[in-house]
Amino acid sequence: MSIKGRLFGRDRRPPPELKETIERWRSLPPSPLRIPLRDARLVAVDVEVSGLDARRDRVLGVGAVVLHDGRINIAEVFHRRLPGEPDAGGIRDEGTRARADLAGGLLKLVGRSVLVTYNAPFVSLMLNKLLRSAGAPALDQSWIDIAWLLPDLMGREFTERTSFEEWQRFLGIPSFERYNGLADAFAIAQIMLIALARAENAGFQSIEGLVSAESYKRKIRGE
């Protein structure tokens, strides 16, 4: 089996209700990137995982929070946890239904909006691994990684290696439960609001500018 196959597993056929959600999601237009920072709809997302090895470990839960018009929309939040463990023959029926429910709910909330997280390569890999296991497509829209965005905006001696907890302490962002997907998504959303204000002051005018700046920074760092 290929490396991709080992990471993601075999494609699964989605149940009918998820299939309808996938079709609606695929029909959505891409989120515009040339939009003023505070007018953008962004979705802060994080995963609860059993470990940090993408090949062996799995997603235990997902949390997501919508930011729109420069504020957190508490009416648009998402949190699901998954039951049980995979058995020798695959995923138990309960787990299969839970994954389909999670995938459908997440696709409905996220749409094609730009996603925001800390450590986007890992979060996106684990999240897309989970979606594929449910028979859903990978989220192929743009991501903003606050680990790479913040250092240039804060004017301090921070780097992309600064931990999430260090950023929370520095910015005074509380978390009601660490390693809880929803709690961490709320913290990411609050941090992103601070980052948007700093980005405006630094002369950024659009989400496209932030995405391009991160891409360029990764390129020159060889990542």
N, C-alpha and C. Protein backbone atom coordinates (compact mmCIF):
# COMPACT_ATOMS: atom_id res chain seq x y z
N MET A 1 0.84 -1.19 0.00
CA MET A 1 0.00 0.00 0.00
C MET A 1 0.88 1.24 0.00
N SER A 2 0.44 2.29 -0.69
CA SER A 2 1.20 3.53 -0.77
C SER A 2 1.21 4.24 0.57
N ILE A 3 2.11 5.25 0.68
CA ILE A 3 2.15 6.05 1.91
C ILE A 3 0.81 6.72 2.13
N LYS A 4 0.21 7.25 1.05
CA LYS A 4 -1.09 7.89 1.17
C LYS A 4 -2.13 6.90 1.66
N GLY A 5 -2.06 5.69 1.14
CA GLY A 5 -3.00 4.66 1.56
C GLY A 5 -2.82 4.30 3.01
N ARG A 6 -1.56 4.23 3.49
CA ARG A 6 -1.32 3.89 4.89
C ARG A 6 -1.82 4.99 5.81
N LEU A 7 -1.70 6.24 5.38
CA LEU A 7 -2.13 7.36 6.21
C LEU A 7 -3.65 7.48 6.25
N PHE A 8 -4.28 7.34 5.11
CA PHE A 8 -5.70 7.63 5.02
C PHE A 8 -6.58 6.40 5.01
N GLY A 9 -6.03 5.25 4.67
CA GLY A 9 -6.86 4.06 4.58
C GLY A 9 -7.64 4.03 3.28
N ARG A 10 -8.48 3.03 3.15
CA ARG A 10 -9.27 2.91 1.93
C ARG A 10 -10.43 3.89 1.95
N ASP A 11 -10.82 4.32 0.74
CA ASP A 11 -12.00 5.16 0.63
C ASP A 11 -13.23 4.38 1.06
N ARG A 12 -14.14 5.04 1.73
CA ARG A 12 -15.39 4.41 2.14
C ARG A 12 -16.54 5.10 1.43
N ARG A 13 -17.59 4.37 1.19
CA ARG A 13 -18.77 4.95 0.57
C ARG A 13 -19.60 5.63 1.65
N PRO A 14 -19.94 6.89 1.46
CA PRO A 14 -20.72 7.58 2.48
C PRO A 14 -22.16 7.09 2.50
N PRO A 15 -22.82 7.14 3.66
CA PRO A 15 -24.25 6.82 3.71
C PRO A 15 -25.04 7.88 2.95
N PRO A 16 -26.29 7.59 2.58
CA PRO A 16 -27.07 8.51 1.74
C PRO A 16 -27.16 9.94 2.30
N GLU A 17 -27.39 10.09 3.61
CA GLU A 17 -27.54 11.43 4.16
C GLU A 17 -26.25 12.23 4.06
N LEU A 18 -25.10 11.57 4.24
CA LEU A 18 -23.82 12.25 4.10
C LEU A 18 -23.54 12.55 2.63
N LYS A 19 -23.93 11.65 1.76
CA LYS A 19 -23.72 11.87 0.33
C LYS A 19 -24.41 13.15 -0.14
N GLU A 20 -25.62 13.40 0.35
CA GLU A 20 -26.33 14.63 0.00
C GLU A 20 -25.59 15.86 0.50
N THR A 21 -25.07 15.78 1.72
CA THR A 21 -24.30 16.90 2.27
C THR A 21 -23.04 17.14 1.45
N ILE A 22 -22.37 16.07 1.04
CA ILE A 22 -21.15 16.20 0.23
C ILE A 22 -21.46 16.86 -1.10
N GLU A 23 -22.55 16.48 -1.72
CA GLU A 23 -22.92 17.06 -3.01
C GLU A 23 -23.20 18.56 -2.87
N ARG A 24 -23.89 18.94 -1.78
CA ARG A 24 -24.14 20.37 -1.56
C ARG A 24 -22.84 21.11 -1.29
N TRP A 25 -21.94 20.49 -0.50
CA TRP A 25 -20.65 21.13 -0.20
C TRP A 25 -19.84 21.33 -1.47
N ARG A 26 -19.83 20.34 -2.33
CA ARG A 26 -19.05 20.45 -3.58
C ARG A 26 -19.61 21.51 -4.51
N SER A 27 -20.89 21.83 -4.40
CA SER A 27 -21.51 22.82 -5.27
C SER A 27 -21.25 24.25 -4.81
N LEU A 28 -20.71 24.41 -3.60
CA LEU A 28 -20.46 25.76 -3.07
C LEU A 28 -19.29 26.41 -3.81
N PRO A 29 -19.36 27.72 -4.05
CA PRO A 29 -18.23 28.42 -4.67
C PRO A 29 -17.09 28.57 -3.67
N PRO A 30 -15.86 28.66 -4.15
CA PRO A 30 -14.73 28.89 -3.24
C PRO A 30 -14.90 30.19 -2.47
N SER A 31 -14.42 30.20 -1.24
CA SER A 31 -14.48 31.42 -0.45
C SER A 31 -13.55 32.47 -1.06
N PRO A 32 -14.02 33.70 -1.27
CA PRO A 32 -13.15 34.72 -1.85
C PRO A 32 -12.02 35.10 -0.89
N LEU A 33 -10.81 35.17 -1.43
CA LEU A 33 -9.67 35.56 -0.61
C LEU A 33 -9.41 37.06 -0.66
N ARG A 34 -9.83 37.68 -1.76
CA ARG A 34 -9.64 39.13 -1.88
C ARG A 34 -10.82 39.84 -1.23
N ILE A 35 -10.86 39.71 0.07
CA ILE A 35 -11.94 40.28 0.86
C ILE A 35 -11.31 40.94 2.07
N PRO A 36 -11.81 42.10 2.48
CA PRO A 36 -11.22 42.76 3.66
C PRO A 36 -11.17 41.83 4.86
N LEU A 37 -10.15 41.99 5.66
CA LEU A 37 -9.91 41.06 6.77
C LEU A 37 -11.13 40.87 7.65
N ARG A 38 -11.75 41.94 8.05
CA ARG A 38 -12.85 41.84 9.01
C ARG A 38 -14.18 41.46 8.36
N ASP A 39 -14.23 41.41 7.04
CA ASP A 39 -15.46 40.97 6.36
C ASP A 39 -15.44 39.47 6.09
N ALA A 40 -14.30 38.84 6.28
CA ALA A 40 -14.16 37.43 5.92
C ALA A 40 -14.87 36.52 6.91
N ARG A 41 -15.34 35.40 6.39
CA ARG A 41 -15.85 34.32 7.26
C ARG A 41 -14.73 33.29 7.38
N LEU A 42 -14.24 33.12 8.59
CA LEU A 42 -13.18 32.17 8.88
C LEU A 42 -13.70 31.14 9.86
N VAL A 43 -13.10 29.95 9.85
CA VAL A 43 -13.50 28.91 10.79
C VAL A 43 -12.26 28.42 11.53
N ALA A 44 -12.23 28.66 12.84
CA ALA A 44 -11.16 28.14 13.68
C ALA A 44 -11.48 26.68 14.00
N VAL A 45 -10.51 25.80 13.84
CA VAL A 45 -10.77 24.37 14.00
C VAL A 45 -9.60 23.70 14.71
N ASP A 46 -9.92 22.69 15.51
CA ASP A 46 -8.88 21.89 16.15
C ASP A 46 -9.38 20.47 16.34
N VAL A 47 -8.43 19.55 16.49
CA VAL A 47 -8.76 18.14 16.65
C VAL A 47 -8.27 17.62 17.99
N GLU A 48 -9.02 16.71 18.57
CA GLU A 48 -8.57 15.93 19.72
C GLU A 48 -8.04 14.62 19.16
N VAL A 49 -6.81 14.25 19.54
CA VAL A 49 -6.17 13.07 18.95
C VAL A 49 -5.65 12.14 20.03
N SER A 50 -5.46 10.88 19.63
CA SER A 50 -4.93 9.89 20.57
C SER A 50 -3.42 9.98 20.71
N GLY A 51 -2.76 10.71 19.82
CA GLY A 51 -1.31 10.87 19.84
C GLY A 51 -0.87 11.71 18.66
N LEU A 52 0.43 11.88 18.51
CA LEU A 52 0.96 12.77 17.48
C LEU A 52 1.58 12.04 16.30
N ASP A 53 1.35 10.75 16.20
CA ASP A 53 1.82 9.97 15.06
C ASP A 53 0.67 9.82 14.07
N ALA A 54 0.76 10.52 12.94
CA ALA A 54 -0.35 10.55 11.99
C ALA A 54 -0.64 9.17 11.39
N ARG A 55 0.34 8.26 11.40
CA ARG A 55 0.12 6.94 10.82
C ARG A 55 -0.62 6.02 11.77
N ARG A 56 -0.33 6.14 13.06
CA ARG A 56 -0.90 5.20 14.03
C ARG A 56 -2.07 5.77 14.82
N ASP A 57 -2.02 7.08 15.09
CA ASP A 57 -3.01 7.67 15.98
C ASP A 57 -4.23 8.14 15.20
N ARG A 58 -5.29 8.45 15.96
CA ARG A 58 -6.55 8.78 15.31
C ARG A 58 -7.19 9.98 15.98
N VAL A 59 -8.17 10.54 15.30
CA VAL A 59 -8.92 11.68 15.82
C VAL A 59 -9.98 11.17 16.78
N LEU A 60 -10.06 11.80 17.94
CA LEU A 60 -11.05 11.46 18.95
C LEU A 60 -12.22 12.45 18.96
N GLY A 61 -11.98 13.63 18.42
CA GLY A 61 -13.03 14.64 18.39
C GLY A 61 -12.58 15.85 17.60
N VAL A 62 -13.54 16.69 17.24
CA VAL A 62 -13.27 17.88 16.43
C VAL A 62 -14.09 19.04 16.99
N GLY A 63 -13.47 20.22 17.07
CA GLY A 63 -14.17 21.43 17.46
C GLY A 63 -13.95 22.51 16.42
N ALA A 64 -14.96 23.34 16.19
CA ALA A 64 -14.85 24.43 15.22
C ALA A 64 -15.70 25.61 15.66
N VAL A 65 -15.20 26.81 15.38
CA VAL A 65 -15.87 28.05 15.76
C VAL A 65 -15.77 29.03 14.59
N VAL A 66 -16.88 29.70 14.26
CA VAL A 66 -16.91 30.63 13.14
C VAL A 66 -16.57 32.05 13.60
N LEU A 67 -15.73 32.73 12.82
CA LEU A 67 -15.46 34.15 12.97
C LEU A 67 -16.02 34.85 11.74
N HIS A 68 -16.76 35.92 11.96
CA HIS A 68 -17.35 36.65 10.83
C HIS A 68 -17.53 38.10 11.22
N ASP A 69 -17.22 38.99 10.29
CA ASP A 69 -17.35 40.43 10.55
C ASP A 69 -16.57 40.86 11.78
N GLY A 70 -15.41 40.26 12.00
CA GLY A 70 -14.53 40.69 13.07
C GLY A 70 -14.95 40.26 14.46
N ARG A 71 -15.79 39.22 14.56
CA ARG A 71 -16.17 38.73 15.88
C ARG A 71 -16.49 37.24 15.81
N ILE A 72 -16.50 36.61 16.98
CA ILE A 72 -16.85 35.20 17.07
C ILE A 72 -18.36 35.06 17.05
N ASN A 73 -18.85 34.18 16.20
CA ASN A 73 -20.29 33.93 16.12
C ASN A 73 -20.61 32.72 16.99
N ILE A 74 -21.10 32.96 18.21
CA ILE A 74 -21.33 31.85 19.13
C ILE A 74 -22.52 30.99 18.70
N ALA A 75 -23.27 31.44 17.70
CA ALA A 75 -24.36 30.61 17.17
C ALA A 75 -23.86 29.58 16.18
N GLU A 76 -22.60 29.72 15.76
CA GLU A 76 -22.03 28.79 14.79
C GLU A 76 -20.81 28.11 15.40
N VAL A 77 -21.06 27.10 16.18
CA VAL A 77 -19.98 26.31 16.76
C VAL A 77 -20.28 24.84 16.51
N PHE A 78 -19.23 24.03 16.59
CA PHE A 78 -19.35 22.60 16.29
C PHE A 78 -18.42 21.82 17.21
N HIS A 79 -18.94 20.74 17.79
CA HIS A 79 -18.10 19.86 18.59
C HIS A 79 -18.69 18.46 18.56
N ARG A 80 -17.87 17.49 18.14
CA ARG A 80 -18.26 16.09 18.14
C ARG A 80 -17.10 15.26 18.68
N ARG A 81 -17.45 14.26 19.48
CA ARG A 81 -16.46 13.28 19.92
C ARG A 81 -16.86 11.92 19.37
N LEU A 82 -15.86 11.08 19.14
CA LEU A 82 -16.10 9.77 18.54
C LEU A 82 -16.02 8.67 19.59
N PRO A 83 -16.92 7.70 19.53
CA PRO A 83 -16.92 6.61 20.51
C PRO A 83 -16.05 5.45 20.08
N GLY A 84 -15.62 4.67 21.04
CA GLY A 84 -15.02 3.37 20.74
C GLY A 84 -13.70 3.41 20.01
N GLU A 85 -13.20 2.23 19.72
CA GLU A 85 -11.95 2.03 19.01
C GLU A 85 -12.22 1.19 17.77
N PRO A 86 -11.38 1.33 16.72
CA PRO A 86 -11.50 0.43 15.58
C PRO A 86 -11.30 -1.01 16.03
N ASP A 87 -12.09 -1.94 15.53
CA ASP A 87 -11.86 -3.35 15.85
C ASP A 87 -11.05 -4.01 14.74
N ALA A 88 -10.81 -5.29 14.86
CA ALA A 88 -9.93 -5.98 13.92
C ALA A 88 -10.47 -5.95 12.50
N GLY A 89 -11.79 -5.88 12.37
CA GLY A 89 -12.38 -5.90 11.04
C GLY A 89 -12.67 -4.54 10.46
N GLY A 90 -12.35 -3.49 11.15
CA GLY A 90 -12.62 -2.14 10.67
C GLY A 90 -13.26 -1.31 11.77
N ILE A 91 -14.11 -0.37 11.41
CA ILE A 91 -14.75 0.49 12.37
C ILE A 91 -16.09 -0.10 12.76
N ARG A 92 -16.40 -0.13 14.04
CA ARG A 92 -17.70 -0.63 14.49
C ARG A 92 -18.82 0.22 13.90
N ASP A 93 -20.02 -0.36 13.84
CA ASP A 93 -21.16 0.36 13.26
C ASP A 93 -21.39 1.69 13.97
N GLU A 94 -21.27 1.68 15.30
CA GLU A 94 -21.46 2.91 16.05
C GLU A 94 -20.44 3.97 15.65
N GLY A 95 -19.20 3.53 15.50
CA GLY A 95 -18.15 4.45 15.08
C GLY A 95 -18.37 4.95 13.67
N THR A 96 -18.85 4.09 12.77
CA THR A 96 -19.11 4.49 11.39
C THR A 96 -20.18 5.56 11.34
N ARG A 97 -21.26 5.37 12.09
CA ARG A 97 -22.33 6.37 12.12
C ARG A 97 -21.82 7.68 12.73
N ALA A 98 -21.02 7.58 13.77
CA ALA A 98 -20.49 8.78 14.42
C ALA A 98 -19.59 9.57 13.48
N ARG A 99 -18.78 8.86 12.70
CA ARG A 99 -17.90 9.53 11.75
C ARG A 99 -18.69 10.22 10.65
N ALA A 100 -19.73 9.55 10.18
CA ALA A 100 -20.58 10.16 9.16
C ALA A 100 -21.28 11.40 9.70
N ASP A 101 -21.76 11.32 10.95
CA ASP A 101 -22.41 12.46 11.57
C ASP A 101 -21.43 13.61 11.75
N LEU A 102 -20.22 13.30 12.19
CA LEU A 102 -19.19 14.33 12.37
C LEU A 102 -18.85 14.97 11.03
N ALA A 103 -18.61 14.15 10.02
CA ALA A 103 -18.23 14.67 8.70
C ALA A 103 -19.31 15.57 8.13
N GLY A 104 -20.57 15.12 8.22
CA GLY A 104 -21.65 15.92 7.68
C GLY A 104 -21.82 17.24 8.41
N GLY A 105 -21.77 17.20 9.73
CA GLY A 105 -21.92 18.43 10.51
C GLY A 105 -20.79 19.40 10.26
N LEU A 106 -19.58 18.89 10.13
CA LEU A 106 -18.44 19.76 9.90
C LEU A 106 -18.50 20.40 8.52
N LEU A 107 -18.84 19.62 7.50
CA LEU A 107 -18.94 20.18 6.15
C LEU A 107 -20.00 21.28 6.08
N LYS A 108 -21.12 21.08 6.78
CA LYS A 108 -22.18 22.08 6.79
C LYS A 108 -21.71 23.38 7.44
N LEU A 109 -20.98 23.27 8.56
CA LEU A 109 -20.51 24.47 9.24
C LEU A 109 -19.40 25.17 8.47
N VAL A 110 -18.43 24.40 8.01
CA VAL A 110 -17.24 24.97 7.38
C VAL A 110 -17.54 25.54 6.01
N GLY A 111 -18.33 24.83 5.20
CA GLY A 111 -18.52 25.25 3.83
C GLY A 111 -17.18 25.33 3.12
N ARG A 112 -16.96 26.43 2.43
CA ARG A 112 -15.68 26.64 1.74
C ARG A 112 -14.84 27.73 2.40
N SER A 113 -15.19 28.06 3.63
CA SER A 113 -14.48 29.13 4.33
C SER A 113 -13.02 28.78 4.56
N VAL A 114 -12.18 29.80 4.68
CA VAL A 114 -10.78 29.62 5.05
C VAL A 114 -10.73 29.10 6.48
N LEU A 115 -9.85 28.13 6.71
CA LEU A 115 -9.72 27.50 8.02
C LEU A 115 -8.53 28.07 8.77
N VAL A 116 -8.66 28.17 10.09
CA VAL A 116 -7.60 28.71 10.94
C VAL A 116 -7.30 27.70 12.04
N THR A 117 -6.02 27.45 12.29
CA THR A 117 -5.65 26.53 13.36
C THR A 117 -4.23 26.81 13.81
N TYR A 118 -3.76 26.02 14.75
CA TYR A 118 -2.35 26.02 15.14
C TYR A 118 -1.76 24.69 14.67
N ASN A 119 -0.64 24.75 13.93
CA ASN A 119 0.00 23.57 13.33
C ASN A 119 -0.91 22.96 12.25
N ALA A 120 -1.15 23.76 11.22
CA ALA A 120 -2.05 23.36 10.15
C ALA A 120 -1.64 22.07 9.44
N PRO A 121 -0.35 21.80 9.18
CA PRO A 121 -0.03 20.54 8.50
C PRO A 121 -0.54 19.31 9.23
N PHE A 122 -0.38 19.30 10.57
CA PHE A 122 -0.83 18.14 11.33
C PHE A 122 -2.35 18.11 11.44
N VAL A 123 -2.95 19.24 11.78
CA VAL A 123 -4.41 19.27 11.97
C VAL A 123 -5.12 18.92 10.67
N SER A 124 -4.69 19.49 9.55
CA SER A 124 -5.35 19.20 8.28
C SER A 124 -5.17 17.75 7.88
N LEU A 125 -3.99 17.18 8.14
CA LEU A 125 -3.75 15.77 7.81
C LEU A 125 -4.67 14.86 8.61
N MET A 126 -4.74 15.08 9.92
CA MET A 126 -5.58 14.24 10.77
C MET A 126 -7.06 14.43 10.47
N LEU A 127 -7.47 15.67 10.23
CA LEU A 127 -8.87 15.93 9.94
C LEU A 127 -9.29 15.30 8.62
N ASN A 128 -8.45 15.44 7.60
CA ASN A 128 -8.79 14.87 6.30
C ASN A 128 -8.72 13.35 6.33
N LYS A 129 -7.85 12.80 7.15
CA LYS A 129 -7.81 11.35 7.35
C LYS A 129 -9.15 10.87 7.91
N LEU A 130 -9.68 11.59 8.88
CA LEU A 130 -10.96 11.23 9.46
C LEU A 130 -12.08 11.37 8.44
N LEU A 131 -12.11 12.48 7.71
CA LEU A 131 -13.17 12.68 6.72
C LEU A 131 -13.16 11.58 5.68
N ARG A 132 -11.97 11.22 5.23
CA ARG A 132 -11.91 10.17 4.22
C ARG A 132 -12.40 8.84 4.77
N SER A 133 -12.13 8.57 6.05
CA SER A 133 -12.59 7.32 6.64
C SER A 133 -14.11 7.25 6.71
N ALA A 134 -14.76 8.42 6.66
CA ALA A 134 -16.22 8.48 6.67
C ALA A 134 -16.80 8.51 5.26
N GLY A 135 -15.94 8.55 4.24
CA GLY A 135 -16.40 8.62 2.87
C GLY A 135 -16.59 10.04 2.37
N ALA A 136 -16.09 11.02 3.13
CA ALA A 136 -16.23 12.43 2.77
C ALA A 136 -14.95 12.93 2.10
N PRO A 137 -15.03 14.03 1.34
CA PRO A 137 -13.84 14.57 0.70
C PRO A 137 -12.97 15.35 1.68
N ALA A 138 -11.71 15.51 1.31
CA ALA A 138 -10.81 16.33 2.10
C ALA A 138 -11.20 17.80 1.95
N LEU A 139 -10.95 18.57 3.00
CA LEU A 139 -11.17 20.02 2.95
C LEU A 139 -10.02 20.64 2.16
N ASP A 140 -10.33 21.14 0.97
CA ASP A 140 -9.27 21.58 0.07
C ASP A 140 -9.13 23.11 0.00
N GLN A 141 -9.78 23.82 0.93
CA GLN A 141 -9.66 25.27 0.91
C GLN A 141 -8.37 25.72 1.60
N SER A 142 -8.16 27.03 1.62
CA SER A 142 -6.94 27.58 2.23
C SER A 142 -6.99 27.45 3.75
N TRP A 143 -5.79 27.33 4.33
CA TRP A 143 -5.62 27.30 5.78
C TRP A 143 -4.73 28.48 6.19
N ILE A 144 -4.99 29.02 7.37
CA ILE A 144 -4.10 29.99 8.01
C ILE A 144 -3.59 29.36 9.29
N ASP A 145 -2.28 29.33 9.44
CA ASP A 145 -1.65 28.71 10.60
C ASP A 145 -1.15 29.81 11.53
N ILE A 146 -1.78 29.96 12.69
CA ILE A 146 -1.38 31.05 13.59
C ILE A 146 0.04 30.87 14.11
N ALA A 147 0.55 29.63 14.07
CA ALA A 147 1.94 29.42 14.50
C ALA A 147 2.90 30.18 13.60
N TRP A 148 2.56 30.32 12.32
CA TRP A 148 3.41 31.03 11.36
C TRP A 148 3.00 32.49 11.22
N LEU A 149 1.72 32.78 11.45
CA LEU A 149 1.24 34.14 11.26
C LEU A 149 1.65 35.08 12.40
N LEU A 150 1.57 34.61 13.63
CA LEU A 150 1.72 35.49 14.78
C LEU A 150 3.10 36.11 14.96
N PRO A 151 4.19 35.36 14.80
CA PRO A 151 5.50 35.96 15.11
C PRO A 151 5.77 37.29 14.40
N ASP A 152 5.42 37.40 13.13
CA ASP A 152 5.69 38.63 12.39
C ASP A 152 4.75 39.77 12.78
N LEU A 153 3.64 39.45 13.42
CA LEU A 153 2.67 40.49 13.78
C LEU A 153 2.88 41.04 15.19
N MET A 154 3.52 40.26 16.06
CA MET A 154 3.60 40.63 17.46
C MET A 154 4.83 41.47 17.80
N GLY A 155 5.82 41.49 16.93
CA GLY A 155 6.99 42.31 17.18
C GLY A 155 7.81 41.87 18.37
N ARG A 156 7.77 40.58 18.66
CA ARG A 156 8.51 40.03 19.80
C ARG A 156 9.42 38.92 19.30
N GLU A 157 10.19 38.37 20.22
CA GLU A 157 11.12 37.31 19.86
C GLU A 157 10.44 35.95 19.90
N PHE A 158 9.40 35.82 19.09
CA PHE A 158 8.71 34.54 18.95
C PHE A 158 9.03 33.95 17.59
N THR A 159 8.83 32.65 17.44
CA THR A 159 9.02 31.97 16.16
C THR A 159 7.83 31.07 15.91
N GLU A 160 7.85 30.42 14.74
CA GLU A 160 6.78 29.47 14.42
C GLU A 160 6.82 28.24 15.33
N ARG A 161 7.89 28.09 16.10
CA ARG A 161 7.99 26.98 17.05
C ARG A 161 7.42 27.32 18.42
N THR A 162 7.02 28.57 18.63
CA THR A 162 6.42 28.94 19.91
C THR A 162 5.16 28.10 20.13
N SER A 163 5.03 27.53 21.30
CA SER A 163 3.92 26.60 21.55
C SER A 163 2.59 27.35 21.66
N PHE A 164 1.53 26.61 21.47
CA PHE A 164 0.19 27.16 21.59
C PHE A 164 -0.05 27.71 23.00
N GLU A 165 0.42 26.97 24.01
CA GLU A 165 0.25 27.42 25.39
C GLU A 165 1.00 28.72 25.65
N GLU A 166 2.18 28.89 25.06
CA GLU A 166 2.94 30.13 25.23
C GLU A 166 2.19 31.31 24.62
N TRP A 167 1.58 31.10 23.45
CA TRP A 167 0.80 32.16 22.83
C TRP A 167 -0.40 32.52 23.70
N GLN A 168 -1.07 31.51 24.25
CA GLN A 168 -2.21 31.78 25.12
C GLN A 168 -1.80 32.63 26.32
N ARG A 169 -0.69 32.25 26.95
CA ARG A 169 -0.24 33.00 28.13
C ARG A 169 0.13 34.43 27.75
N PHE A 170 0.86 34.59 26.66
CA PHE A 170 1.31 35.92 26.24
C PHE A 170 0.14 36.83 25.90
N LEU A 171 -0.87 36.29 25.24
CA LEU A 171 -2.01 37.09 24.79
C LEU A 171 -3.15 37.12 25.81
N GLY A 172 -3.00 36.36 26.91
CA GLY A 172 -4.03 36.36 27.94
C GLY A 172 -5.31 35.68 27.51
N ILE A 173 -5.17 34.62 26.74
CA ILE A 173 -6.33 33.89 26.24
C ILE A 173 -6.56 32.66 27.11
N PRO A 174 -7.66 32.60 27.85
CA PRO A 174 -7.92 31.43 28.70
C PRO A 174 -8.44 30.26 27.89
N SER A 175 -8.33 29.08 28.45
CA SER A 175 -8.91 27.89 27.85
C SER A 175 -9.62 27.12 28.96
N PHE A 176 -10.92 26.84 28.75
CA PHE A 176 -11.67 26.18 29.83
C PHE A 176 -11.35 24.70 29.94
N GLU A 177 -10.70 24.13 28.93
CA GLU A 177 -10.26 22.73 29.02
C GLU A 177 -9.24 22.46 27.92
N ARG A 178 -7.98 22.27 28.30
CA ARG A 178 -6.93 22.00 27.31
C ARG A 178 -7.15 20.63 26.71
N TYR A 179 -6.79 20.52 25.42
CA TYR A 179 -6.93 19.30 24.63
C TYR A 179 -8.40 18.93 24.43
N ASN A 180 -9.26 19.91 24.57
CA ASN A 180 -10.66 19.78 24.19
C ASN A 180 -10.82 20.52 22.87
N GLY A 181 -11.35 19.85 21.84
CA GLY A 181 -11.40 20.46 20.52
C GLY A 181 -12.14 21.77 20.48
N LEU A 182 -13.27 21.85 21.17
CA LEU A 182 -14.05 23.09 21.15
C LEU A 182 -13.35 24.19 21.94
N ALA A 183 -12.81 23.85 23.11
CA ALA A 183 -12.10 24.85 23.92
C ALA A 183 -10.91 25.42 23.15
N ASP A 184 -10.16 24.55 22.50
CA ASP A 184 -8.99 25.02 21.75
C ASP A 184 -9.41 25.81 20.51
N ALA A 185 -10.52 25.41 19.87
CA ALA A 185 -11.00 26.17 18.72
C ALA A 185 -11.42 27.57 19.15
N PHE A 186 -12.07 27.71 20.32
CA PHE A 186 -12.42 29.03 20.84
C PHE A 186 -11.16 29.86 21.10
N ALA A 187 -10.14 29.23 21.68
CA ALA A 187 -8.89 29.94 21.95
C ALA A 187 -8.24 30.39 20.65
N ILE A 188 -8.23 29.51 19.66
CA ILE A 188 -7.67 29.86 18.34
C ILE A 188 -8.44 31.02 17.74
N ALA A 189 -9.77 30.99 17.85
CA ALA A 189 -10.59 32.07 17.30
C ALA A 189 -10.27 33.40 17.98
N GLN A 190 -10.11 33.40 19.29
CA GLN A 190 -9.78 34.63 20.02
C GLN A 190 -8.40 35.15 19.61
N ILE A 191 -7.45 34.24 19.47
CA ILE A 191 -6.12 34.64 19.02
C ILE A 191 -6.17 35.22 17.62
N MET A 192 -6.99 34.62 16.76
CA MET A 192 -7.09 35.09 15.37
C MET A 192 -7.69 36.49 15.31
N LEU A 193 -8.63 36.81 16.20
CA LEU A 193 -9.17 38.17 16.23
C LEU A 193 -8.07 39.19 16.55
N ILE A 194 -7.20 38.84 17.50
CA ILE A 194 -6.06 39.71 17.82
C ILE A 194 -5.14 39.83 16.61
N ALA A 195 -4.89 38.70 15.95
CA ALA A 195 -4.02 38.70 14.77
C ALA A 195 -4.60 39.56 13.65
N LEU A 196 -5.92 39.51 13.45
CA LEU A 196 -6.54 40.32 12.40
C LEU A 196 -6.36 41.81 12.68
N ALA A 197 -6.51 42.21 13.94
CA ALA A 197 -6.30 43.62 14.29
C ALA A 197 -4.86 44.03 14.05
N ARG A 198 -3.92 43.18 14.44
CA ARG A 198 -2.50 43.47 14.21
C ARG A 198 -2.19 43.51 12.72
N ALA A 199 -2.81 42.60 11.96
CA ALA A 199 -2.56 42.56 10.52
C ALA A 199 -3.05 43.83 9.83
N GLU A 200 -4.20 44.34 10.26
CA GLU A 200 -4.70 45.60 9.70
C GLU A 200 -3.72 46.73 9.98
N ASN A 201 -3.23 46.77 11.21
CA ASN A 201 -2.26 47.82 11.57
C ASN A 201 -0.96 47.68 10.80
N ALA A 202 -0.64 46.44 10.41
CA ALA A 202 0.60 46.20 9.65
C ALA A 202 0.42 46.44 8.15
N GLY A 203 -0.79 46.77 7.74
CA GLY A 203 -1.02 47.09 6.33
C GLY A 203 -1.64 46.00 5.49
N PHE A 204 -1.94 44.86 6.09
CA PHE A 204 -2.63 43.82 5.34
C PHE A 204 -4.07 44.25 5.09
N GLN A 205 -4.54 44.01 3.87
CA GLN A 205 -5.88 44.45 3.51
C GLN A 205 -6.84 43.30 3.25
N SER A 206 -6.32 42.10 3.02
CA SER A 206 -7.20 41.00 2.66
C SER A 206 -6.69 39.69 3.23
N ILE A 207 -7.58 38.69 3.26
CA ILE A 207 -7.20 37.34 3.67
C ILE A 207 -6.17 36.78 2.71
N GLU A 208 -6.27 37.13 1.45
CA GLU A 208 -5.29 36.66 0.47
C GLU A 208 -3.88 37.08 0.87
N GLY A 209 -3.74 38.27 1.41
CA GLY A 209 -2.43 38.74 1.82
C GLY A 209 -1.85 37.90 2.94
N LEU A 210 -2.68 37.50 3.90
CA LEU A 210 -2.20 36.66 5.00
C LEU A 210 -1.81 35.27 4.49
N VAL A 211 -2.65 34.69 3.63
CA VAL A 211 -2.35 33.37 3.08
C VAL A 211 -1.06 33.40 2.27
N SER A 212 -0.89 34.44 1.45
CA SER A 212 0.32 34.56 0.63
C SER A 212 1.56 34.79 1.48
N ALA A 213 1.44 35.58 2.54
CA ALA A 213 2.59 35.85 3.41
C ALA A 213 3.04 34.57 4.10
N GLU A 214 2.09 33.76 4.56
CA GLU A 214 2.47 32.50 5.19
C GLU A 214 3.12 31.55 4.19
N SER A 215 2.54 31.47 2.99
CA SER A 215 3.10 30.59 1.97
C SER A 215 4.54 30.99 1.62
N TYR A 216 4.77 32.29 1.50
CA TYR A 216 6.12 32.77 1.18
C TYR A 216 7.09 32.47 2.31
N LYS A 217 6.63 32.66 3.55
CA LYS A 217 7.49 32.40 4.70
C LYS A 217 7.87 30.93 4.78
N ARG A 218 6.91 30.05 4.54
CA ARG A 218 7.20 28.60 4.54
C ARG A 218 8.19 28.25 3.43
N LYS A 219 8.02 28.90 2.30
CA LYS A 219 8.90 28.61 1.15
C LYS A 219 10.35 28.97 1.45
N ILE A 220 10.55 30.17 2.01
CA ILE A 220 11.93 30.58 2.27
C ILE A 220 12.55 29.81 3.43
N ARG A 221 11.69 29.24 4.31
CA ARG A 221 12.18 28.41 5.39
C ARG A 221 12.35 26.95 4.96
N GLY A 222 11.94 26.65 3.73
CA GLY A 222 12.11 25.30 3.21
C GLY A 222 11.10 24.31 3.75
N GLU A 223 9.89 24.77 4.09
CA GLU A 223 8.85 23.89 4.62
C GLU A 223 7.60 23.94 3.74
